[in-house]
Amino acid sequence: MVRIIRLLRLKHSISLVELKAVTGLSTQRLSQIELQPEKSTERQKDFMCRALDRVAAARKERAAALERDCLIT
């Protein structure tokens, strides 16, 4: 599951730095979780999925703000 999370992250151009911003974990720790699925707990897997959801929500908010700004100009 965690390797799938890495693939999704890369597919959608989500950087480890972007994940760091929503999780508070270091990029090294995030990478370790992604690259060592056999050592990852269910809690960590769920945590990573929720983090990806938060990134998606933040991107959606920024896109909506950009669209509003474009309508004003």
N, C-alpha and C. Protein backbone atom coordinates (compact mmCIF):
# COMPACT_ATOMS: atom_id res chain seq x y z
N MET A 1 0.82 -1.21 0.00
CA MET A 1 0.00 0.00 0.00
C MET A 1 0.86 1.26 0.00
N VAL A 2 1.93 1.27 0.79
CA VAL A 2 2.74 2.47 0.88
C VAL A 2 3.46 2.75 -0.44
N ARG A 3 3.89 1.72 -1.14
CA ARG A 3 4.51 1.94 -2.45
C ARG A 3 3.50 2.55 -3.42
N ILE A 4 2.25 2.17 -3.30
CA ILE A 4 1.20 2.75 -4.12
C ILE A 4 1.06 4.23 -3.80
N ILE A 5 1.18 4.58 -2.53
CA ILE A 5 1.10 5.98 -2.13
C ILE A 5 2.23 6.77 -2.79
N ARG A 6 3.42 6.20 -2.83
CA ARG A 6 4.55 6.87 -3.50
C ARG A 6 4.25 7.06 -4.98
N LEU A 7 3.72 6.02 -5.62
CA LEU A 7 3.38 6.13 -7.04
C LEU A 7 2.33 7.22 -7.28
N LEU A 8 1.33 7.28 -6.43
CA LEU A 8 0.31 8.32 -6.55
C LEU A 8 0.92 9.70 -6.34
N ARG A 9 1.79 9.80 -5.35
CA ARG A 9 2.44 11.08 -5.07
C ARG A 9 3.22 11.56 -6.29
N LEU A 10 3.98 10.66 -6.87
CA LEU A 10 4.78 11.02 -8.03
C LEU A 10 3.90 11.31 -9.26
N LYS A 11 2.87 10.50 -9.44
CA LYS A 11 1.97 10.70 -10.59
C LYS A 11 1.33 12.08 -10.57
N HIS A 12 1.02 12.57 -9.37
CA HIS A 12 0.33 13.85 -9.23
C HIS A 12 1.27 14.98 -8.84
N SER A 13 2.57 14.73 -9.03
CA SER A 13 3.60 15.76 -8.80
C SER A 13 3.52 16.38 -7.41
N ILE A 14 3.35 15.53 -6.42
CA ILE A 14 3.36 15.99 -5.03
C ILE A 14 4.76 15.73 -4.49
N SER A 15 5.42 16.78 -4.10
CA SER A 15 6.79 16.63 -3.60
C SER A 15 6.78 16.21 -2.13
N LEU A 16 7.92 15.69 -1.70
CA LEU A 16 8.06 15.35 -0.29
C LEU A 16 7.99 16.62 0.56
N VAL A 17 8.45 17.73 0.01
CA VAL A 17 8.39 19.00 0.74
C VAL A 17 6.93 19.42 0.95
N GLU A 18 6.10 19.20 -0.07
CA GLU A 18 4.67 19.51 0.06
C GLU A 18 4.02 18.61 1.11
N LEU A 19 4.39 17.35 1.12
CA LEU A 19 3.87 16.44 2.15
C LEU A 19 4.37 16.83 3.53
N LYS A 20 5.62 17.25 3.59
CA LYS A 20 6.20 17.69 4.87
C LYS A 20 5.38 18.82 5.46
N ALA A 21 4.93 19.74 4.60
CA ALA A 21 4.16 20.89 5.06
C ALA A 21 2.83 20.48 5.71
N VAL A 22 2.22 19.41 5.23
CA VAL A 22 0.92 19.01 5.80
C VAL A 22 1.05 17.97 6.90
N THR A 23 2.21 17.30 6.98
CA THR A 23 2.36 16.25 8.00
C THR A 23 3.22 16.66 9.18
N GLY A 24 4.17 17.57 8.93
CA GLY A 24 5.10 17.93 10.00
C GLY A 24 6.26 16.95 10.12
N LEU A 25 6.27 15.91 9.28
CA LEU A 25 7.37 14.94 9.30
C LEU A 25 8.48 15.42 8.37
N SER A 26 9.69 14.98 8.65
CA SER A 26 10.80 15.33 7.77
C SER A 26 10.67 14.61 6.44
N THR A 27 11.29 15.17 5.42
CA THR A 27 11.27 14.51 4.11
C THR A 27 11.96 13.15 4.19
N GLN A 28 12.97 13.05 5.03
CA GLN A 28 13.66 11.77 5.19
C GLN A 28 12.72 10.71 5.77
N ARG A 29 11.94 11.11 6.76
CA ARG A 29 11.01 10.15 7.38
C ARG A 29 9.91 9.75 6.40
N LEU A 30 9.40 10.71 5.66
CA LEU A 30 8.37 10.41 4.67
C LEU A 30 8.89 9.43 3.63
N SER A 31 10.09 9.66 3.16
CA SER A 31 10.70 8.77 2.18
C SER A 31 10.90 7.38 2.77
N GLN A 32 11.33 7.33 4.01
CA GLN A 32 11.53 6.04 4.67
C GLN A 32 10.22 5.26 4.75
N ILE A 33 9.15 5.94 5.08
CA ILE A 33 7.84 5.28 5.16
C ILE A 33 7.45 4.74 3.78
N GLU A 34 7.68 5.55 2.76
CA GLU A 34 7.32 5.13 1.40
C GLU A 34 8.15 3.95 0.90
N LEU A 35 9.43 3.98 1.19
CA LEU A 35 10.35 3.00 0.61
C LEU A 35 10.51 1.71 1.42
N GLN A 36 9.96 1.69 2.61
CA GLN A 36 10.06 0.48 3.44
C GLN A 36 8.67 0.01 3.86
N PRO A 37 7.88 -0.43 2.88
CA PRO A 37 6.48 -0.79 3.20
C PRO A 37 6.36 -1.92 4.22
N GLU A 38 7.34 -2.80 4.24
CA GLU A 38 7.27 -3.91 5.19
C GLU A 38 7.41 -3.45 6.64
N LYS A 39 7.97 -2.27 6.84
CA LYS A 39 8.13 -1.73 8.19
C LYS A 39 7.04 -0.72 8.54
N SER A 40 6.16 -0.42 7.60
CA SER A 40 5.11 0.57 7.83
C SER A 40 3.91 -0.06 8.50
N THR A 41 3.36 0.66 9.45
CA THR A 41 2.18 0.18 10.16
C THR A 41 0.92 0.65 9.42
N GLU A 42 -0.19 0.07 9.76
CA GLU A 42 -1.47 0.49 9.18
C GLU A 42 -1.74 1.96 9.51
N ARG A 43 -1.35 2.34 10.70
CA ARG A 43 -1.54 3.73 11.13
C ARG A 43 -0.75 4.68 10.23
N GLN A 44 0.48 4.31 9.90
CA GLN A 44 1.30 5.13 9.01
C GLN A 44 0.71 5.20 7.61
N LYS A 45 0.21 4.07 7.13
CA LYS A 45 -0.41 4.04 5.81
C LYS A 45 -1.63 4.95 5.76
N ASP A 46 -2.45 4.88 6.79
CA ASP A 46 -3.64 5.73 6.87
C ASP A 46 -3.23 7.20 6.96
N PHE A 47 -2.21 7.47 7.74
CA PHE A 47 -1.68 8.83 7.89
C PHE A 47 -1.24 9.39 6.55
N MET A 48 -0.55 8.61 5.76
CA MET A 48 -0.07 9.05 4.45
C MET A 48 -1.24 9.31 3.50
N CYS A 49 -2.24 8.48 3.53
CA CYS A 49 -3.42 8.69 2.68
C CYS A 49 -4.13 9.98 3.05
N ARG A 50 -4.27 10.23 4.33
CA ARG A 50 -4.90 11.49 4.78
C ARG A 50 -4.06 12.69 4.39
N ALA A 51 -2.74 12.54 4.44
CA ALA A 51 -1.85 13.64 4.04
C ALA A 51 -2.04 13.97 2.56
N LEU A 52 -2.14 12.94 1.72
CA LEU A 52 -2.39 13.18 0.29
C LEU A 52 -3.72 13.87 0.09
N ASP A 53 -4.72 13.50 0.86
CA ASP A 53 -6.02 14.17 0.79
C ASP A 53 -5.91 15.64 1.16
N ARG A 54 -5.11 15.96 2.19
CA ARG A 54 -4.93 17.36 2.60
C ARG A 54 -4.22 18.17 1.51
N VAL A 55 -3.24 17.55 0.87
CA VAL A 55 -2.56 18.24 -0.24
C VAL A 55 -3.56 18.53 -1.36
N ALA A 56 -4.39 17.54 -1.70
CA ALA A 56 -5.38 17.73 -2.76
C ALA A 56 -6.35 18.86 -2.40
N ALA A 57 -6.79 18.89 -1.15
CA ALA A 57 -7.71 19.94 -0.71
C ALA A 57 -7.05 21.32 -0.78
N ALA A 58 -5.79 21.40 -0.38
CA ALA A 58 -5.07 22.68 -0.42
C ALA A 58 -4.89 23.15 -1.86
N ARG A 59 -4.58 22.21 -2.74
CA ARG A 59 -4.43 22.58 -4.15
C ARG A 59 -5.75 23.06 -4.73
N LYS A 60 -6.83 22.42 -4.34
CA LYS A 60 -8.15 22.82 -4.84
C LYS A 60 -8.48 24.24 -4.37
N GLU A 61 -8.17 24.55 -3.12
CA GLU A 61 -8.43 25.89 -2.59
C GLU A 61 -7.60 26.93 -3.33
N ARG A 62 -6.32 26.62 -3.59
CA ARG A 62 -5.47 27.58 -4.32
C ARG A 62 -5.97 27.78 -5.74
N ALA A 63 -6.44 26.72 -6.37
CA ALA A 63 -6.96 26.83 -7.74
C ALA A 63 -8.22 27.70 -7.75
N ALA A 64 -9.07 27.52 -6.77
CA ALA A 64 -10.30 28.32 -6.69
C ALA A 64 -9.96 29.79 -6.46
N ALA A 65 -8.97 30.05 -5.61
CA ALA A 65 -8.56 31.44 -5.35
C ALA A 65 -7.99 32.07 -6.63
N LEU A 66 -7.21 31.34 -7.37
CA LEU A 66 -6.67 31.85 -8.62
C LEU A 66 -7.79 32.16 -9.61
N GLU A 67 -8.76 31.28 -9.68
CA GLU A 67 -9.89 31.50 -10.59
C GLU A 67 -10.66 32.76 -10.19
N ARG A 68 -10.89 32.94 -8.88
CA ARG A 68 -11.59 34.15 -8.41
C ARG A 68 -10.78 35.40 -8.77
N ASP A 69 -9.48 35.34 -8.56
CA ASP A 69 -8.62 36.49 -8.87
C ASP A 69 -8.67 36.83 -10.35
N CYS A 70 -8.71 35.83 -11.19
CA CYS A 70 -8.77 36.06 -12.63
C CYS A 70 -10.08 36.71 -13.04
N LEU A 71 -11.15 36.38 -12.35
CA LEU A 71 -12.45 36.98 -12.67
C LEU A 71 -12.50 38.45 -12.28
N ILE A 72 -11.74 38.82 -11.28
CA ILE A 72 -11.74 40.20 -10.80
C ILE A 72 -11.00 41.11 -11.78
N THR A 73 -9.95 40.59 -12.40
CA THR A 73 -9.12 41.43 -13.27
C THR A 73 -9.70 41.57 -14.66
